[in-house]
Protein backbone atom coordinates (compact mmCIF):
# COMPACT_ATOMS: atom_id res chain seq x y z
CA MET A 1 -0.43 14.37 -12.85
CA LEU A 2 -1.35 10.71 -12.18
CA ILE A 3 0.95 9.55 -14.96
CA ARG A 4 3.89 11.50 -13.53
CA GLN A 5 3.21 10.13 -10.03
CA GLU A 6 3.01 6.58 -11.41
CA LYS A 7 6.39 6.97 -13.13
CA VAL A 8 7.96 8.28 -9.93
CA SER A 9 6.45 5.34 -8.03
CA GLU A 10 7.77 2.82 -10.56
CA GLU A 11 11.27 4.26 -10.18
CA TYR A 12 11.01 4.15 -6.38
CA LEU A 13 9.93 0.51 -6.44
CA LYS A 14 12.77 -0.42 -8.81
CA GLU A 15 15.27 1.10 -6.39
CA HIS A 16 13.76 -0.01 -3.08
CA GLY A 17 11.87 -3.19 -3.94
CA GLU A 18 11.01 -5.10 -0.79
CA VAL A 19 9.90 -3.80 2.58
CA LYS A 20 12.80 -3.76 5.01
CA THR A 21 10.87 -3.42 8.29
CA VAL A 22 9.86 -7.10 8.58
CA ASP A 23 11.84 -10.28 8.12
CA GLU A 24 11.83 -12.02 4.77
CA GLY A 25 9.70 -14.94 5.98
CA THR A 26 6.96 -12.64 7.28
CA LEU A 27 7.02 -10.65 4.07
CA SER A 28 6.75 -13.86 1.99
CA ARG A 29 3.82 -15.03 4.08
CA LEU A 30 2.02 -11.70 3.70
CA MET A 31 2.63 -11.66 -0.05
CA GLU A 32 1.25 -15.20 -0.42
CA MET A 33 -1.86 -14.15 1.50
CA VAL A 34 -2.35 -11.19 -0.85
CA LYS A 35 -1.87 -13.38 -3.94
CA ASN A 36 -4.37 -15.93 -2.62
CA ASP A 37 -6.85 -13.27 -1.43
CA ASP A 38 -6.63 -14.85 2.04
CA GLU A 39 -9.22 -13.47 4.45
CA ILE A 40 -6.72 -13.40 7.33
CA PHE A 41 -4.32 -11.10 5.45
CA MET A 42 -5.29 -7.98 7.38
CA SER A 43 -4.99 -9.75 10.73
CA ALA A 44 -1.51 -10.99 9.81
CA PHE A 45 -0.58 -7.56 8.47
CA HIS A 46 -1.66 -5.91 11.74
CA ASN A 47 0.45 -8.41 13.67
CA SER A 48 3.47 -7.51 11.53
CA PHE A 49 2.82 -3.74 11.57
CA PRO A 50 1.00 -3.17 14.88
CA ALA A 51 1.03 0.66 14.82
CA PHE A 52 -0.07 0.99 11.19
CA LEU A 53 -3.84 1.11 11.74
CA GLU A 54 -3.51 3.44 14.71
CA LYS A 55 -1.40 5.89 12.70
CA LEU A 56 -3.89 5.82 9.81
CA ARG A 57 -6.78 6.49 12.18
CA VAL A 58 -4.94 9.47 13.72
CA ILE A 59 -4.54 11.01 10.26
CA HIS A 60 -8.08 10.16 9.11
CA PRO A 61 -10.41 8.70 11.79
CA ALA A 62 -13.12 7.82 9.25
CA ILE A 63 -10.90 5.69 7.01
CA VAL A 64 -12.82 2.58 5.96
CA PRO A 65 -11.57 -1.04 5.99
CA SER A 66 -11.20 -1.29 2.21
CA GLU A 67 -8.98 1.82 2.24
CA ILE A 68 -6.95 0.41 5.12
CA GLU A 69 -6.37 -2.79 3.13
CA PHE A 70 -5.35 -0.75 0.09
CA CYS A 71 -2.89 1.23 2.26
CA ALA A 72 -1.49 -2.08 3.53
CA LEU A 73 -0.83 -3.15 -0.07
CA LEU A 74 1.02 0.12 -0.66
CA LYS A 75 2.99 -0.41 2.55
CA LEU A 76 4.09 -3.78 1.11
CA ASN A 77 5.37 -1.94 -2.01
CA LEU A 78 3.00 -3.72 -4.37
CA SER A 79 3.05 -2.02 -7.75
CA THR A 80 -0.06 -0.72 -9.47
CA LYS A 81 0.02 -3.70 -11.85
CA ASP A 82 0.39 -6.21 -9.00
CA ILE A 83 -2.45 -4.70 -6.98
CA ALA A 84 -4.64 -4.73 -10.11
CA ARG A 85 -3.78 -8.38 -10.78
CA TYR A 86 -4.29 -9.60 -7.19
CA LYS A 87 -7.52 -7.64 -6.69
CA ASN A 88 -8.90 -8.33 -10.17
CA ILE A 89 -9.33 -4.67 -11.02
CA GLU A 90 -8.00 -2.43 -13.77
CA PRO A 91 -4.68 -0.60 -13.25
CA LYS A 92 -6.54 2.67 -13.84
CA SER A 93 -8.77 1.83 -10.85
CA VAL A 94 -5.67 1.32 -8.72
CA GLN A 95 -4.30 4.67 -9.88
CA ASN A 96 -7.58 6.34 -8.95
CA LYS A 97 -7.54 4.68 -5.52
CA LYS A 98 -3.99 5.90 -4.97
CA TYR A 99 -5.10 9.40 -5.85
CA ARG A 100 -8.05 9.26 -3.41
CA ILE A 101 -5.85 7.85 -0.62
CA ARG A 102 -3.26 10.56 -1.29
CA LYS A 103 -5.95 13.24 -0.89
CA LYS A 104 -7.59 11.60 2.12
CA LEU A 105 -4.28 11.27 3.99
CA ASN A 106 -2.98 14.66 2.79
CA ILE A 107 0.09 13.17 1.12
CA PRO A 108 1.75 16.01 -0.81
CA ASP A 109 1.75 15.69 -4.60
CA ASP A 110 5.54 15.93 -4.72
CA VAL A 111 6.04 12.97 -2.33
CA ASP A 112 5.97 9.45 -3.72
CA ILE A 113 3.18 7.47 -2.08
CA TYR A 114 5.39 4.39 -1.54
CA PHE A 115 8.10 6.54 0.06
CA TRP A 116 5.45 8.11 2.31
CA PHE A 117 4.14 4.71 3.46
CA ASN A 118 7.67 3.39 4.04
CA LYS A 119 8.44 6.35 6.30
CA PHE A 120 5.04 5.98 7.97
């Protein structure tokens, strides 16, 4: 199941690439912060997507900061490989985190997680 979902996600990212809800400069700045593991990333992300945290907390009030950050990376359309590289973890760990987030937020199995976050 995870392998199928990963393939669907890869296809989605190939087609849709960058996030369209913020300007290119803001997106570049956020991506640089992720790449450099900048501690102000989440603050800048919240400034760019002010309703994001509130929406997550409505769906799951007990969501923890590390899960919120992971959701932010998905919102930015970072691939499994990119998240693994920037967070210094194995791609399999990223896949497992995606699976846990999917379950925690009740994202249906037949809906691509990147699509869900882009409509979110």
